[in-house]
Each structure stands twice: as C-alpha cells, then as structure tokens.
C-alpha cells in the first residue's frame, strides 16, 4: 500500500511541469511552518497563502482540494524525510555483514534510541505537525491520517519489527512471537517520556536527562524481552 502510494506520487511529480512543481514546493514549504505553529484546524487558507506569498486563488489552483490537500502534501513530504532518517538509524541492526552480538546489544539499542530521539531536534516542523495531528485527530480528514501513517509510521514499524526479528534469531532477545509489538514497546519505552516532557521537542530537555530516559527505556525493554 505505502509503496504504491509513493509510486503514484513520484509519477505525479514527473508529470507536473518544473515551474509548476517549484511553485507547489514553495507553497508546501511555507505552509509547513504555518501548520506546525497553528495546527490543522486553526490554520486558515488566507494565512497559508500569505505565508507562501501567493493569492488564495493561486493556492487553490495548485491544491484544488484546499487546506486538506495541502496539509496532506506537507505531512506526507515531511513524514517521508523523517522515515528515511529513521530507516538509516536502523541500518546497523539490519546489516547482514555485521550480525548482532551479545556485547553490542545494549549499546546498539541505545544508539538506535538516541538516533530516533535526536530526530525531533533535526526535524522540528515535522514533529510539530505530529503533535497537532495527535491533538486534532478528530478534525483531521481520515485520508490525511492514512497518508501520514503510510508515508512514515507504517514502513518504520515494519523495519523495526525486522530488526527485532533479527535480534531474536540471534538469540539476544525473545519477542514472544510478536516482533511488531516488541518494536512498538521499544519505541514507547525509549521515547514516550522524552516526547511528553519536551512537548515533541518544543522544549528540549537537558542532555543528561534525555540520556537517562533513553538508557532507562532500553534497560526496561531488555528486562521485558530478555532471551529465555
């Protein structure tokens, strides 16, 4: 599903004339800041057009679906960027040339957790959007929520499940028959407290506190999923 959506988007981009595509990218880039600040519900078409330096007519010309279509474009675009960064964080655990070793398990998981958490600082606009999505889920069109999930959380969840499976096959953890759930638990344990205390990175925590929360989450995960 996700790959087919991305293929359709790539095909659509190829069919858009370069000047029109450049204008759409400029509008989406400016709108990302507005949506991140105001959220989906409060962001008005007038404010979005003003931020992009275009008329509302021009905005609708490029995004006939209006605010919902623009928000979907922005969310999908930023989710794809963050997804690729998260997949890069997972590469060491999925590298067939470097099988997991017991001595490396904790440091590898701490490095993965730190990489994921650090992305909140590297992609502040995206995580501002995610914060608003969670707060306004009942107002965001369902197709936009689905597009966000397919662009980012779903493929990252699959890759994380693959990493958990690799660790289990190496005898380092026991996923109790559900690698996907193990991955979800890992993410919750290493990031939930950081996300809540920092408000999705809006107010970054002191490095020592972040490190303590990350290491505590990894240790809790290893205790829960210790190999039999």
C-alpha atoms as a PDB file:
ATOM      1  CA  UNK A   1       0.000   0.000   0.000  1.00  0.00           C
ATOM      2  CA  UNK A   2       2.674   2.516   1.046  1.00  0.00           C
ATOM      3  CA  UNK A   3       4.966   1.696  -1.873  1.00  0.00           C
ATOM      4  CA  UNK A   4       2.095   2.011  -4.375  1.00  0.00           C
ATOM      5  CA  UNK A   5       1.163   5.422  -2.945  1.00  0.00           C
ATOM      6  CA  UNK A   6       4.767   6.584  -3.259  1.00  0.00           C
ATOM      7  CA  UNK A   7       4.924   5.296  -6.839  1.00  0.00           C
ATOM      8  CA  UNK A   8       1.805   7.264  -7.735  1.00  0.00           C
ATOM      9  CA  UNK A   9       3.221  10.391  -6.094  1.00  0.00           C
ATOM     10  CA  UNK A  10       6.512  10.008  -7.955  1.00  0.00           C
ATOM     11  CA  UNK A  11       4.632   9.569 -11.239  1.00  0.00           C
ATOM     12  CA  UNK A  12       2.548  12.658 -10.500  1.00  0.00           C
ATOM     13  CA  UNK A  13       5.695  14.682  -9.796  1.00  0.00           C
ATOM     14  CA  UNK A  14       7.176  13.601 -13.121  1.00  0.00           C
ATOM     15  CA  UNK A  15       4.020  14.763 -14.917  1.00  0.00           C
ATOM     16  CA  UNK A  16       3.999  18.240 -13.323  1.00  0.00           C
ATOM     17  CA  UNK A  17       5.849  20.922 -15.339  1.00  0.00           C
ATOM     18  CA  UNK A  18       9.020  22.060 -13.492  1.00  0.00           C
ATOM     19  CA  UNK A  19       7.826  25.632 -12.868  1.00  0.00           C
ATOM     20  CA  UNK A  20       4.502  24.449 -11.504  1.00  0.00           C
ATOM     21  CA  UNK A  21       6.225  21.856  -9.325  1.00  0.00           C
ATOM     22  CA  UNK A  22       8.599  24.520  -7.978  1.00  0.00           C
ATOM     23  CA  UNK A  23       5.620  26.696  -7.035  1.00  0.00           C
ATOM     24  CA  UNK A  24       3.900  23.774  -5.306  1.00  0.00           C
ATOM     25  CA  UNK A  25       7.062  23.001  -3.339  1.00  0.00           C
ATOM     26  CA  UNK A  26       7.357  26.658  -2.301  1.00  0.00           C
ATOM     27  CA  UNK A  27       3.740  26.751  -1.130  1.00  0.00           C
ATOM     28  CA  UNK A  28       4.111  23.469   0.769  1.00  0.00           C
ATOM     29  CA  UNK A  29       7.360  24.625   2.412  1.00  0.00           C
ATOM     30  CA  UNK A  30       5.806  27.859   3.655  1.00  0.00           C
ATOM     31  CA  UNK A  31       2.651  26.048   4.760  1.00  0.00           C
ATOM     32  CA  UNK A  32       4.681  23.587   6.825  1.00  0.00           C
ATOM     33  CA  UNK A  33       5.668  26.394   9.186  1.00  0.00           C
ATOM     34  CA  UNK A  34       2.084  27.671   9.460  1.00  0.00           C
ATOM     35  CA  UNK A  35       0.618  24.217  10.098  1.00  0.00           C
ATOM     36  CA  UNK A  36       3.365  23.482  12.633  1.00  0.00           C
ATOM     37  CA  UNK A  37       2.548  26.678  14.505  1.00  0.00           C
ATOM     38  CA  UNK A  38      -1.245  26.792  14.200  1.00  0.00           C
ATOM     39  CA  UNK A  39      -2.250  23.186  13.636  1.00  0.00           C
ATOM     40  CA  UNK A  40      -4.689  21.961  11.027  1.00  0.00           C
ATOM     41  CA  UNK A  41      -7.887  23.453  12.426  1.00  0.00           C
ATOM     42  CA  UNK A  42      -6.612  26.959  13.189  1.00  0.00           C
ATOM     43  CA  UNK A  43      -4.543  27.451  10.038  1.00  0.00           C
ATOM     44  CA  UNK A  44      -6.609  29.465   7.562  1.00  0.00           C
ATOM     45  CA  UNK A  45      -6.328  29.474   3.796  1.00  0.00           C
ATOM     46  CA  UNK A  46      -5.597  33.209   3.950  1.00  0.00           C
ATOM     47  CA  UNK A  47      -2.703  32.648   6.386  1.00  0.00           C
ATOM     48  CA  UNK A  48      -1.324  29.774   4.314  1.00  0.00           C
ATOM     49  CA  UNK A  49      -1.463  31.813   1.113  1.00  0.00           C
ATOM     50  CA  UNK A  50       0.111  34.828   2.804  1.00  0.00           C
ATOM     51  CA  UNK A  51       2.982  32.746   4.173  1.00  0.00           C
ATOM     52  CA  UNK A  52       3.660  31.412   0.676  1.00  0.00           C
ATOM     53  CA  UNK A  53       3.403  34.871  -0.857  1.00  0.00           C
ATOM     54  CA  UNK A  54       0.579  33.871  -3.210  1.00  0.00           C
ATOM     55  CA  UNK A  55      -3.107  34.660  -3.565  1.00  0.00           C
ATOM     56  CA  UNK A  56      -5.731  32.241  -2.286  1.00  0.00           C
ATOM     57  CA  UNK A  57      -6.718  31.725  -5.923  1.00  0.00           C
ATOM     58  CA  UNK A  58      -3.180  30.621  -6.763  1.00  0.00           C
ATOM     59  CA  UNK A  59      -3.139  28.301  -3.763  1.00  0.00           C
ATOM     60  CA  UNK A  60      -6.373  26.618  -4.886  1.00  0.00           C
ATOM     61  CA  UNK A  61      -5.035  26.432  -8.423  1.00  0.00           C
ATOM     62  CA  UNK A  62      -2.117  24.344  -7.196  1.00  0.00           C
ATOM     63  CA  UNK A  63      -4.044  22.490  -4.487  1.00  0.00           C
ATOM     64  CA  UNK A  64      -7.675  22.192  -5.660  1.00  0.00           C
ATOM     65  CA  UNK A  65      -8.528  20.228  -2.518  1.00  0.00           C
ATOM     66  CA  UNK A  66      -7.736  23.309  -0.435  1.00  0.00           C
ATOM     67  CA  UNK A  67      -6.405  23.045   3.085  1.00  0.00           C
ATOM     68  CA  UNK A  68      -6.881  19.268   3.372  1.00  0.00           C
ATOM     69  CA  UNK A  69      -4.933  18.609   0.168  1.00  0.00           C
ATOM     70  CA  UNK A  70      -2.169  20.995   1.195  1.00  0.00           C
ATOM     71  CA  UNK A  71      -1.908  19.505   4.683  1.00  0.00           C
ATOM     72  CA  UNK A  72      -1.753  16.012   3.230  1.00  0.00           C
ATOM     73  CA  UNK A  73       1.063  17.074   0.901  1.00  0.00           C
ATOM     74  CA  UNK A  74       3.024  18.680   3.735  1.00  0.00           C
ATOM     75  CA  UNK A  75       2.544  15.777   6.136  1.00  0.00           C
ATOM     76  CA  UNK A  76       3.453  13.173   3.512  1.00  0.00           C
ATOM     77  CA  UNK A  77       6.532  15.117   2.440  1.00  0.00           C
ATOM     78  CA  UNK A  78       7.908  15.625   5.965  1.00  0.00           C
ATOM     79  CA  UNK A  79       6.994  12.070   7.008  1.00  0.00           C
ATOM     80  CA  UNK A  80       8.958  10.701   4.079  1.00  0.00           C
ATOM     81  CA  UNK A  81      12.024  12.697   5.117  1.00  0.00           C
ATOM     82  CA  UNK A  82      11.804  11.518   8.726  1.00  0.00           C
ATOM     83  CA  UNK A  83      11.045   7.947   7.668  1.00  0.00           C
ATOM     84  CA  UNK A  84      14.235   7.823   5.593  1.00  0.00           C
ATOM     85  CA  UNK A  85      16.231   9.196   8.534  1.00  0.00           C
ATOM     86  CA  UNK A  86      14.713   6.599  10.885  1.00  0.00           C
ATOM     87  CA  UNK A  87      15.470   3.797   8.440  1.00  0.00           C
ATOM     88  CA  UNK A  88      19.095   4.959   8.348  1.00  0.00           C
ATOM     89  CA  UNK A  89      19.166   4.663  12.148  1.00  0.00           C
ATOM     90  CA  UNK A  90      18.007   1.055  11.802  1.00  0.00           C
ATOM     91  CA  UNK A  91      20.588   0.058   9.192  1.00  0.00           C
ATOM     92  CA  UNK A  92      23.244  -1.145  11.692  1.00  0.00           C
ATOM     93  CA  UNK A  93      20.789  -3.663  13.193  1.00  0.00           C
ATOM     94  CA  UNK A  94      19.774  -4.922   9.740  1.00  0.00           C
ATOM     95  CA  UNK A  95      23.285  -5.172   8.278  1.00  0.00           C
ATOM     96  CA  UNK A  96      23.902  -8.812   7.236  1.00  0.00           C
ATOM     97  CA  UNK A  97      27.639  -8.117   7.209  1.00  0.00           C
ATOM     98  CA  UNK A  98      27.552  -7.385  10.951  1.00  0.00           C
ATOM     99  CA  UNK A  99      25.467  -9.985  12.809  1.00  0.00           C
ATOM    100  CA  UNK A 100      24.198  -8.853  16.241  1.00  0.00           C
ATOM    101  CA  UNK A 101      26.475  -9.778  19.150  1.00  0.00           C
ATOM    102  CA  UNK A 102      25.560 -10.016  22.856  1.00  0.00           C
ATOM    103  CA  UNK A 103      28.222  -7.484  23.862  1.00  0.00           C
ATOM    104  CA  UNK A 104      26.811  -4.953  21.403  1.00  0.00           C
ATOM    105  CA  UNK A 105      23.124  -5.363  22.210  1.00  0.00           C
ATOM    106  CA  UNK A 106      22.690  -2.627  24.809  1.00  0.00           C
ATOM    107  CA  UNK A 107      24.964  -0.040  23.123  1.00  0.00           C
ATOM    108  CA  UNK A 108      23.350  -0.760  19.745  1.00  0.00           C
ATOM    109  CA  UNK A 109      19.867  -0.225  21.154  1.00  0.00           C
ATOM    110  CA  UNK A 110      20.954   2.930  22.993  1.00  0.00           C
ATOM    111  CA  UNK A 111      22.439   4.277  19.744  1.00  0.00           C
ATOM    112  CA  UNK A 112      19.214   3.456  17.891  1.00  0.00           C
ATOM    113  CA  UNK A 113      17.098   5.111  20.574  1.00  0.00           C
ATOM    114  CA  UNK A 114      19.283   8.205  20.633  1.00  0.00           C
ATOM    115  CA  UNK A 115      19.129   8.437  16.846  1.00  0.00           C
ATOM    116  CA  UNK A 116      15.328   8.310  16.899  1.00  0.00           C
ATOM    117  CA  UNK A 117      15.011  10.851  19.708  1.00  0.00           C
ATOM    118  CA  UNK A 118      17.513  13.262  18.121  1.00  0.00           C
ATOM    119  CA  UNK A 119      15.300  13.476  15.029  1.00  0.00           C
ATOM    120  CA  UNK A 120      12.855  15.641  16.986  1.00  0.00           C
ATOM    121  CA  UNK A 121      15.524  18.334  17.023  1.00  0.00           C
ATOM    122  CA  UNK A 122      16.590  17.758  13.419  1.00  0.00           C
ATOM    123  CA  UNK A 123      13.035  17.893  12.040  1.00  0.00           C
ATOM    124  CA  UNK A 124      11.153  20.282  14.348  1.00  0.00           C
ATOM    125  CA  UNK A 125       8.495  21.219  11.789  1.00  0.00           C
ATOM    126  CA  UNK A 126       7.547  17.597  11.208  1.00  0.00           C
ATOM    127  CA  UNK A 127       7.192  16.805  14.891  1.00  0.00           C
ATOM    128  CA  UNK A 128       5.184  19.991  15.397  1.00  0.00           C
ATOM    129  CA  UNK A 129       2.812  18.608  12.760  1.00  0.00           C
ATOM    130  CA  UNK A 130       2.670  15.235  14.519  1.00  0.00           C
ATOM    131  CA  UNK A 131       1.893  16.958  17.818  1.00  0.00           C
ATOM    132  CA  UNK A 132      -1.037  18.747  16.187  1.00  0.00           C
ATOM    133  CA  UNK A 133      -2.206  15.582  14.436  1.00  0.00           C
ATOM    134  CA  UNK A 134      -2.494  13.787  17.766  1.00  0.00           C
ATOM    135  CA  UNK A 135      -4.230  16.760  19.368  1.00  0.00           C
ATOM    136  CA  UNK A 136      -6.656  17.292  16.470  1.00  0.00           C
ATOM    137  CA  UNK A 137      -7.168  13.760  15.188  1.00  0.00           C
ATOM    138  CA  UNK A 138     -10.953  14.161  15.258  1.00  0.00           C
ATOM    139  CA  UNK A 139     -10.698  17.208  12.962  1.00  0.00           C
ATOM    140  CA  UNK A 140      -8.064  15.967  10.501  1.00  0.00           C
ATOM    141  CA  UNK A 141      -9.570  14.228   7.431  1.00  0.00           C
ATOM    142  CA  UNK A 142      -9.230  10.418   7.700  1.00  0.00           C
ATOM    143  CA  UNK A 143      -7.479  10.215   4.331  1.00  0.00           C
ATOM    144  CA  UNK A 144      -4.815  12.617   5.617  1.00  0.00           C
ATOM    145  CA  UNK A 145      -4.260  10.484   8.718  1.00  0.00           C
ATOM    146  CA  UNK A 146      -3.972   7.397   6.497  1.00  0.00           C
ATOM    147  CA  UNK A 147      -1.485   9.129   4.184  1.00  0.00           C
ATOM    148  CA  UNK A 148       0.665  10.124   7.161  1.00  0.00           C
ATOM    149  CA  UNK A 149       0.662   6.571   8.525  1.00  0.00           C
ATOM    150  CA  UNK A 150       1.549   5.050   5.153  1.00  0.00           C
ATOM    151  CA  UNK A 151       4.311   7.583   4.494  1.00  0.00           C
ATOM    152  CA  UNK A 152       6.103   7.205   7.830  1.00  0.00           C
ATOM    153  CA  UNK A 153       4.937   5.175  10.841  1.00  0.00           C
ATOM    154  CA  UNK A 154       3.882   2.040   8.929  1.00  0.00           C
ATOM    155  CA  UNK A 155       7.127   1.391   6.986  1.00  0.00           C
ATOM    156  CA  UNK A 156       9.244   2.339  10.004  1.00  0.00           C
ATOM    157  CA  UNK A 157       7.207  -0.053  12.154  1.00  0.00           C
ATOM    158  CA  UNK A 158       7.843  -2.847   9.666  1.00  0.00           C
ATOM    159  CA  UNK A 159      11.581  -2.140   9.594  1.00  0.00           C
ATOM    160  CA  UNK A 160      11.712  -2.017  13.387  1.00  0.00           C
ATOM    161  CA  UNK A 161       9.895  -5.363  13.537  1.00  0.00           C
ATOM    162  CA  UNK A 162      12.515  -6.768  11.134  1.00  0.00           C
ATOM    163  CA  UNK A 163      15.254  -5.513  13.469  1.00  0.00           C
ATOM    164  CA  UNK A 164      13.550  -7.152  16.458  1.00  0.00           C
ATOM    165  CA  UNK A 165      13.277 -10.392  14.481  1.00  0.00           C
ATOM    166  CA  UNK A 166      16.999 -10.264  13.656  1.00  0.00           C
ATOM    167  CA  UNK A 167      17.848  -9.824  17.331  1.00  0.00           C
ATOM    168  CA  UNK A 168      15.547 -12.696  18.272  1.00  0.00           C
ATOM    169  CA  UNK A 169      17.015 -15.003  15.630  1.00  0.00           C
ATOM    170  CA  UNK A 170      20.457 -14.217  17.033  1.00  0.00           C
ATOM    171  CA  UNK A 171      19.217 -15.374  20.434  1.00  0.00           C
ATOM    172  CA  UNK A 172      19.648 -11.936  22.010  1.00  0.00           C
ATOM    173  CA  UNK A 173      16.006 -11.210  22.845  1.00  0.00           C
ATOM    174  CA  UNK A 174      12.705 -13.095  22.984  1.00  0.00           C
ATOM    175  CA  UNK A 175       9.930 -11.290  21.103  1.00  0.00           C
ATOM    176  CA  UNK A 176       7.342 -13.791  22.381  1.00  0.00           C
ATOM    177  CA  UNK A 177       6.070 -14.410  18.885  1.00  0.00           C
ATOM    178  CA  UNK A 178       5.257 -10.779  18.073  1.00  0.00           C
ATOM    179  CA  UNK A 179       8.168  -8.760  16.682  1.00  0.00           C
ATOM    180  CA  UNK A 180       5.877  -5.894  15.680  1.00  0.00           C
ATOM    181  CA  UNK A 181       4.633  -5.488  19.253  1.00  0.00           C
ATOM    182  CA  UNK A 182       8.194  -5.729  20.560  1.00  0.00           C
ATOM    183  CA  UNK A 183       9.152  -2.863  18.257  1.00  0.00           C
ATOM    184  CA  UNK A 184       6.183  -0.806  19.430  1.00  0.00           C
ATOM    185  CA  UNK A 185       7.149  -1.404  23.057  1.00  0.00           C
ATOM    186  CA  UNK A 186      10.738  -0.388  22.318  1.00  0.00           C
ATOM    187  CA  UNK A 187       9.596   2.892  20.781  1.00  0.00           C
ATOM    188  CA  UNK A 188       7.255   3.622  23.677  1.00  0.00           C
ATOM    189  CA  UNK A 189       9.882   2.909  26.319  1.00  0.00           C
ATOM    190  CA  UNK A 190      12.660   4.971  24.738  1.00  0.00           C
ATOM    191  CA  UNK A 191      10.648   7.945  23.524  1.00  0.00           C
ATOM    192  CA  UNK A 192       7.351   8.433  25.362  1.00  0.00           C
ATOM    193  CA  UNK A 193       8.782  10.254  28.367  1.00  0.00           C
ATOM    194  CA  UNK A 194      11.068  12.389  26.188  1.00  0.00           C
ATOM    195  CA  UNK A 195       8.192  13.301  23.863  1.00  0.00           C
ATOM    196  CA  UNK A 196       5.872  14.232  26.712  1.00  0.00           C
ATOM    197  CA  UNK A 197       8.398  16.174  28.778  1.00  0.00           C
ATOM    198  CA  UNK A 198       9.790  18.056  25.771  1.00  0.00           C
ATOM    199  CA  UNK A 199       6.398  18.525  24.098  1.00  0.00           C
ATOM    200  CA  UNK A 200       7.631  16.844  20.907  1.00  0.00           C
ATOM    201  CA  UNK A 201      10.925  18.701  21.081  1.00  0.00           C
ATOM    202  CA  UNK A 202       9.428  22.171  21.543  1.00  0.00           C
ATOM    203  CA  UNK A 203      11.272  22.487  24.849  1.00  0.00           C
ATOM    204  CA  UNK A 204      14.389  20.293  24.536  1.00  0.00           C
ATOM    205  CA  UNK A 205      15.476  18.514  27.683  1.00  0.00           C
ATOM    206  CA  UNK A 206      18.987  18.775  29.176  1.00  0.00           C
ATOM    207  CA  UNK A 207      21.251  16.163  27.531  1.00  0.00           C
ATOM    208  CA  UNK A 208      21.779  14.351  30.839  1.00  0.00           C
ATOM    209  CA  UNK A 209      18.021  13.947  31.346  1.00  0.00           C
ATOM    210  CA  UNK A 210      17.489  12.731  27.799  1.00  0.00           C
ATOM    211  CA  UNK A 211      20.310  10.209  28.176  1.00  0.00           C
ATOM    212  CA  UNK A 212      18.872   8.956  31.478  1.00  0.00           C
ATOM    213  CA  UNK A 213      15.420   8.476  29.939  1.00  0.00           C
ATOM    214  CA  UNK A 214      16.801   6.729  26.866  1.00  0.00           C
ATOM    215  CA  UNK A 215      19.018   4.357  28.839  1.00  0.00           C
ATOM    216  CA  UNK A 216      16.219   3.648  31.295  1.00  0.00           C
ATOM    217  CA  UNK A 217      13.893   2.809  28.415  1.00  0.00           C
ATOM    218  CA  UNK A 218      16.433   0.484  26.791  1.00  0.00           C
ATOM    219  CA  UNK A 219      17.101  -1.276  30.090  1.00  0.00           C
ATOM    220  CA  UNK A 220      13.373  -1.734  30.722  1.00  0.00           C
ATOM    221  CA  UNK A 221      12.974  -3.167  27.226  1.00  0.00           C
ATOM    222  CA  UNK A 222      15.848  -5.607  27.734  1.00  0.00           C
ATOM    223  CA  UNK A 223      14.381  -6.784  31.021  1.00  0.00           C
ATOM    224  CA  UNK A 224      10.962  -7.332  29.429  1.00  0.00           C
ATOM    225  CA  UNK A 225      12.345  -9.056  26.341  1.00  0.00           C
ATOM    226  CA  UNK A 226      15.311 -10.928  27.799  1.00  0.00           C
ATOM    227  CA  UNK A 227      16.174 -14.095  25.922  1.00  0.00           C
ATOM    228  CA  UNK A 228      14.847 -17.235  27.638  1.00  0.00           C
END
